[in-house]
Amino acid sequence: MKRSYIFITLLLSILTMGSKSYSQDDFSILKGPYMGQKPPGMVAEPFAPGIISKEGWQIGGMFAPGMKEFYFTTNRKKNTVIGFRQQNNSWKKYIEFPRRGQIAFSPDGKRMHMAKGYKDRIDDGWSERKSLGPMFDRKDWHIMRLSASAKGTYVFDEATKDGNGVLRYSQRVDGKREAPKPLSKAINTGKWNAHPFIAPDDSYLIWDSEREEGYGGNDLYISYRQKNGAWGAAINMGDKVNSDKEDFGANVTPDGKYIFFNRNVGDGNTDIFWVDTQVIENLRPKS
């Protein structure tokens, strides 16, 4: 299934509309690591089926650094980010706010990136959303996700009507932010290249793309940083991760153990899936 621009626009939409309030009663009380879920193996599985992943549209499942907070986005009524926090071993809903760009955390957990903007952690919560500035807040760039590494590298996407938008990166050099540049053709091949995730140490990049050799719709791809600093060839992450549906929006848990991503399972349902990060090591070139 080809991703339509309408779907991308839905992912971007939020603006200043209000959102329905969800109480703890909407979610089961969960206990233990990973919101009480049994970790998956080498084949992707739905995350918290019937609790988080259920009928409707749930995307962007992501643990914050420290593994004591979990966030995801739902479109029940309005696009809303819901956050849980682990307290006395139990996971309880503690925050919700309108979604304005897919969230991604800085590796130190002090910043929540939201496309062209961000929130900084303040005491027990988050600041208001702020702009990254004119270098990123361009009207011709419809950013869905911006991911940051510990070295200060930004990687972000560009939603376009024809699916030909490219992934770009921006580095910090001598304390200054460089102007964003397109990544190489090793990355920007095919269509609908989107939702990049860069490893905290800049060693690999995961994103989704629609390509002829794929399994159907968008697949997840990975590229590894080479010794000369260039990005290696795009590698499809395989049929244990990808499906004949749209698989997109991956991130790796801060403890490095699991990959979270979204899968359009059909009939208007999009769920959150997860899989063991051993797949990253298995695909890493040996040379």
Protein backbone atom coordinates (compact mmCIF):
# COMPACT_ATOMS: atom_id res chain seq x y z
CA MET A 1 0.00 0.00 0.00
CA LYS A 2 1.45 3.35 -1.00
CA ARG A 3 1.55 6.00 1.63
CA SER A 4 -0.62 8.91 0.63
CA TYR A 5 0.11 12.58 1.27
CA ILE A 6 -3.15 12.66 3.20
CA PHE A 7 -1.72 10.14 5.64
CA ILE A 8 1.48 12.17 6.00
CA THR A 9 -0.57 15.29 6.58
CA LEU A 10 -2.45 13.41 9.30
CA LEU A 11 0.85 12.59 10.95
CA LEU A 12 1.77 16.27 10.89
CA SER A 13 -1.59 17.69 11.92
CA ILE A 14 -2.27 18.93 15.41
CA LEU A 15 -1.75 22.69 15.57
CA THR A 16 -3.69 24.24 18.41
CA MET A 17 -6.78 22.05 18.52
CA GLY A 18 -7.89 20.85 21.91
CA SER A 19 -7.73 17.20 22.88
CA LYS A 20 -9.93 14.77 24.71
CA SER A 21 -8.76 14.02 28.23
CA TYR A 22 -7.92 10.41 29.03
CA SER A 23 -7.95 9.16 32.60
CA GLN A 24 -6.05 6.27 34.13
CA ASP A 25 -9.33 4.32 33.79
CA ASP A 26 -8.72 4.17 30.03
CA PHE A 27 -5.61 2.04 30.65
CA SER A 28 -4.85 -1.03 32.73
CA ILE A 29 -2.50 -0.72 35.69
CA LEU A 30 0.77 -2.22 34.46
CA LYS A 31 3.70 -3.32 36.62
CA GLY A 32 7.33 -4.14 35.95
CA PRO A 33 9.90 -3.21 33.27
CA TYR A 34 8.71 -2.32 29.75
CA MET A 35 5.25 -1.51 31.10
CA GLY A 36 4.90 -5.07 32.29
CA GLN A 37 5.19 -6.59 28.83
CA LYS A 38 7.05 -9.80 28.00
CA PRO A 39 9.95 -8.79 25.72
CA PRO A 40 9.85 -10.03 22.12
CA GLY A 41 12.43 -12.13 20.33
CA MET A 42 13.73 -11.84 16.80
CA VAL A 43 10.27 -11.58 15.22
CA ALA A 44 8.36 -8.32 15.66
CA GLU A 45 5.29 -8.45 17.91
CA PRO A 46 2.60 -5.93 18.90
CA PHE A 47 3.46 -3.95 22.03
CA ALA A 48 0.92 -4.20 24.86
CA PRO A 49 -1.87 -5.61 22.66
CA GLY A 50 -5.34 -4.60 23.79
CA ILE A 51 -3.85 -1.98 26.13
CA ILE A 52 -1.69 0.34 24.01
CA SER A 53 -1.93 -1.37 20.61
CA LYS A 54 -5.62 -1.74 19.94
CA GLU A 55 -8.32 -0.65 17.51
CA GLY A 56 -7.56 2.72 15.98
CA TRP A 57 -4.34 4.62 15.45
CA GLN A 58 -1.50 4.31 17.95
CA ILE A 59 2.02 5.30 16.89
CA GLY A 60 5.33 6.60 18.20
CA GLY A 61 5.79 4.25 21.15
CA MET A 62 8.97 5.41 22.86
CA PHE A 63 10.67 5.08 26.24
CA ALA A 64 12.47 8.14 27.54
CA PRO A 65 16.11 7.80 28.70
CA GLY A 66 16.10 6.17 32.13
CA MET A 67 13.32 3.78 31.02
CA LYS A 68 10.92 5.20 33.62
CA GLU A 69 8.63 7.01 31.16
CA PHE A 70 6.77 5.77 28.08
CA TYR A 71 5.02 7.90 25.47
CA PHE A 72 2.81 7.16 22.49
CA THR A 73 0.42 9.04 20.22
CA THR A 74 -3.24 8.25 19.61
CA ASN A 75 -5.72 9.83 17.23
CA ARG A 76 -8.78 8.97 19.24
CA LYS A 77 -10.74 12.19 18.79
CA LYS A 78 -7.58 14.34 18.30
CA ASN A 79 -3.86 13.64 17.87
CA THR A 80 -2.69 13.38 21.46
CA VAL A 81 0.59 12.33 23.08
CA ILE A 82 0.03 10.31 26.24
CA GLY A 83 2.84 9.78 28.72
CA PHE A 84 3.16 7.15 31.46
CA ARG A 85 5.56 7.17 34.37
CA GLN A 86 6.73 4.26 36.51
CA GLN A 87 6.03 4.91 40.18
CA ASN A 88 6.54 2.23 42.85
CA ASN A 89 6.85 -0.36 40.07
CA SER A 90 3.44 0.60 38.59
CA TRP A 91 2.96 2.52 35.35
CA LYS A 92 0.53 5.40 35.64
CA LYS A 93 -0.60 7.97 33.10
CA TYR A 94 0.84 11.31 34.16
CA ILE A 95 0.62 13.65 31.17
CA GLU A 96 -1.05 14.29 27.84
CA PHE A 97 -0.65 17.10 25.36
CA PRO A 98 -1.49 17.92 21.72
CA ARG A 99 0.88 16.37 19.25
CA ARG A 100 2.83 18.72 17.04
CA GLY A 101 5.42 16.59 15.33
CA GLN A 102 6.56 13.08 16.20
CA ILE A 103 8.51 13.06 19.44
CA ALA A 104 12.13 11.92 19.85
CA PHE A 105 14.37 12.28 22.90
CA SER A 106 17.89 13.56 23.16
CA PRO A 107 20.12 10.76 24.53
CA ASP A 108 20.53 12.58 27.86
CA GLY A 109 16.74 12.79 28.26
CA LYS A 110 16.77 16.53 28.82
CA ARG A 111 15.04 17.44 25.55
CA MET A 112 11.96 16.15 23.74
CA HIS A 113 12.23 16.96 20.05
CA MET A 114 8.95 17.57 18.22
CA ALA A 115 9.72 18.06 14.50
CA LYS A 116 10.74 21.74 14.12
CA GLY A 117 10.34 22.36 17.83
CA TYR A 118 11.25 20.92 21.21
CA LYS A 119 10.37 20.86 24.90
CA ASP A 120 13.00 20.95 27.63
CA ARG A 121 12.64 18.96 30.82
CA ILE A 122 11.77 21.18 33.76
CA ASP A 123 11.66 19.62 37.21
CA ASP A 124 8.91 16.99 37.02
CA GLY A 125 7.57 17.92 33.59
CA TRP A 126 8.25 19.68 30.30
CA SER A 127 8.47 23.26 29.09
CA GLU A 128 6.24 24.76 26.45
CA ARG A 129 7.17 23.87 22.88
CA LYS A 130 9.92 26.10 21.48
CA SER A 131 11.20 26.59 17.93
CA LEU A 132 14.55 25.23 16.76
CA GLY A 133 14.98 28.50 14.90
CA PRO A 134 14.94 29.74 11.30
CA MET A 135 17.52 27.19 10.15
CA PHE A 136 14.88 24.46 10.60
CA ASP A 137 11.60 26.37 10.71
CA ARG A 138 11.37 26.77 6.94
CA LYS A 139 7.94 26.78 5.35
CA ASP A 140 9.10 24.46 2.56
CA TRP A 141 10.24 21.77 5.03
CA HIS A 142 7.36 19.76 6.49
CA ILE A 143 9.37 17.86 9.09
CA MET A 144 7.70 14.83 10.66
CA ARG A 145 10.57 13.64 12.87
CA LEU A 146 13.92 15.04 13.94
CA SER A 147 16.28 12.67 15.76
CA ALA A 148 19.40 13.73 17.68
CA SER A 149 22.57 11.88 18.67
CA ALA A 150 24.74 12.44 21.74
CA LYS A 151 27.25 14.19 19.47
CA GLY A 152 24.64 16.76 18.50
CA THR A 153 23.91 15.40 15.02
CA TYR A 154 20.36 16.08 13.84
CA VAL A 155 18.72 13.92 11.16
CA PHE A 156 15.25 14.77 9.88
CA ASP A 157 12.79 14.11 7.08
CA GLU A 158 10.66 16.13 4.68
CA ALA A 159 7.06 15.30 3.77
CA THR A 160 6.18 16.01 0.14
CA LYS A 161 3.13 15.28 -1.99
CA ASP A 162 5.09 13.11 -4.42
CA GLY A 163 7.13 11.19 -1.82
CA ASN A 164 10.43 12.53 -3.13
CA GLY A 165 11.43 14.42 0.00
CA VAL A 166 14.92 13.69 1.28
CA LEU A 167 16.50 13.01 4.66
CA ARG A 168 18.86 15.72 5.86
CA TYR A 169 21.45 16.04 8.61
CA SER A 170 23.04 18.85 10.58
CA GLN A 171 26.14 18.55 12.76
CA ARG A 172 27.69 20.64 15.49
CA VAL A 173 31.21 21.72 14.55
CA ASP A 174 33.29 23.77 17.01
CA GLY A 175 30.14 24.45 19.00
CA LYS A 176 28.19 25.83 16.04
CA ARG A 177 25.23 24.29 14.25
CA GLU A 178 25.90 23.62 10.56
CA ALA A 179 23.25 24.26 7.92
CA PRO A 180 21.36 21.04 7.10
CA LYS A 181 22.54 19.00 4.11
CA PRO A 182 20.90 16.09 2.25
CA LEU A 183 22.21 12.66 3.13
CA SER A 184 23.85 10.63 0.37
CA LYS A 185 22.13 8.54 -2.28
CA ALA A 186 22.89 5.50 -0.16
CA ILE A 187 20.08 6.80 2.05
CA ASN A 188 17.95 8.96 -0.28
CA THR A 189 16.89 6.30 -2.77
CA GLY A 190 13.33 5.16 -3.50
CA LYS A 191 10.33 7.11 -2.21
CA TRP A 192 8.79 8.20 1.09
CA ASN A 193 12.11 8.23 2.95
CA ALA A 194 11.01 9.33 6.40
CA HIS A 195 11.11 9.08 10.22
CA PRO A 196 14.89 8.72 10.73
CA PHE A 197 16.42 7.51 13.97
CA ILE A 198 20.13 8.07 14.51
CA ALA A 199 22.00 5.97 17.08
CA PRO A 200 23.23 7.92 20.13
CA ASP A 201 26.84 7.28 19.04
CA ASP A 202 26.17 8.09 15.35
CA SER A 203 27.01 4.48 14.41
CA TYR A 204 23.83 3.63 12.50
CA LEU A 205 20.71 5.18 11.03
CA ILE A 206 17.26 3.56 10.75
CA TRP A 207 14.47 4.98 8.58
CA ASP A 208 11.60 3.82 6.39
CA SER A 209 11.38 3.86 2.62
CA GLU A 210 9.33 2.44 -0.22
CA ARG A 211 11.54 0.55 -2.68
CA GLU A 212 11.08 -2.04 -5.38
CA GLU A 213 12.89 -4.74 -3.42
CA GLY A 214 10.74 -4.18 -0.33
CA TYR A 215 8.12 -6.48 1.16
CA GLY A 216 5.25 -4.07 0.57
CA GLY A 217 4.43 -0.50 1.46
CA ASN A 218 7.20 1.15 3.44
CA ASP A 219 9.91 -1.03 4.97
CA LEU A 220 12.47 -0.28 7.66
CA TYR A 221 16.07 0.13 6.43
CA ILE A 222 19.37 0.53 8.25
CA SER A 223 22.72 2.02 7.27
CA TYR A 224 25.95 1.74 9.26
CA ARG A 225 28.58 4.43 9.61
CA GLN A 226 31.78 3.37 7.86
CA LYS A 227 35.33 3.94 9.09
CA ASN A 228 35.74 6.89 6.71
CA GLY A 229 32.63 8.55 8.18
CA ALA A 230 30.38 7.88 5.17
CA TRP A 231 27.11 6.00 5.43
CA GLY A 232 27.05 2.47 4.03
CA ALA A 233 24.47 0.98 1.70
CA ALA A 234 20.84 0.82 2.84
CA ILE A 235 20.00 -2.65 4.15
CA ASN A 236 16.41 -3.88 4.36
CA MET A 237 15.81 -5.07 7.92
CA GLY A 238 14.19 -8.29 6.72
CA ASP A 239 10.91 -10.14 6.91
CA LYS A 240 11.13 -10.75 10.67
CA VAL A 241 10.78 -6.97 11.09
CA ASN A 242 9.04 -5.82 7.91
CA SER A 243 5.73 -7.08 6.54
CA ASP A 244 3.55 -6.69 3.45
CA LYS A 245 2.01 -3.68 5.24
CA GLU A 246 3.53 -0.25 5.95
CA ASP A 247 6.26 -0.45 8.60
CA PHE A 248 7.64 2.91 9.67
CA GLY A 249 8.79 5.26 12.43
CA ALA A 250 11.40 3.16 14.24
CA ASN A 251 13.32 4.06 17.38
CA VAL A 252 15.62 2.10 19.70
CA THR A 253 15.01 1.98 23.44
CA PRO A 254 17.54 3.96 25.50
CA ASP A 255 18.83 0.71 27.06
CA GLY A 256 19.66 -0.48 23.54
CA LYS A 257 17.63 -3.69 23.79
CA TYR A 258 14.56 -3.22 21.57
CA ILE A 259 13.40 -1.53 18.39
CA PHE A 260 9.95 0.07 18.48
CA PHE A 261 8.11 0.95 15.27
CA ASN A 262 4.66 1.40 13.74
CA ARG A 263 2.76 -0.96 11.47
CA ASN A 264 -0.37 -0.16 9.50
CA VAL A 265 -2.26 -3.42 10.06
CA GLY A 266 -5.22 -2.43 7.86
CA ASP A 267 -8.78 -1.14 8.17
CA GLY A 268 -7.56 2.13 9.64
CA ASN A 269 -5.59 0.43 12.41
CA THR A 270 -1.96 1.29 13.09
CA ASP A 271 -0.25 -0.45 16.01
CA ILE A 272 3.06 -0.23 17.84
CA PHE A 273 5.42 -3.21 17.37
CA TRP A 274 8.74 -4.11 18.97
CA VAL A 275 11.60 -6.53 18.27
CA ASP A 276 14.98 -7.45 19.78
CA THR A 277 17.87 -5.20 18.68
CA GLN A 278 19.99 -8.29 17.99
CA VAL A 279 18.66 -7.79 14.46
CA ILE A 280 20.88 -4.68 14.25
CA GLU A 281 23.98 -6.71 15.09
CA ASN A 282 22.98 -9.53 12.75
CA LEU A 283 22.76 -7.10 9.81
CA ARG A 284 25.97 -5.23 10.61
CA PRO A 285 28.57 -5.77 7.85
CA LYS A 286 31.38 -8.03 9.03
CA SER A 287 34.22 -6.19 7.33
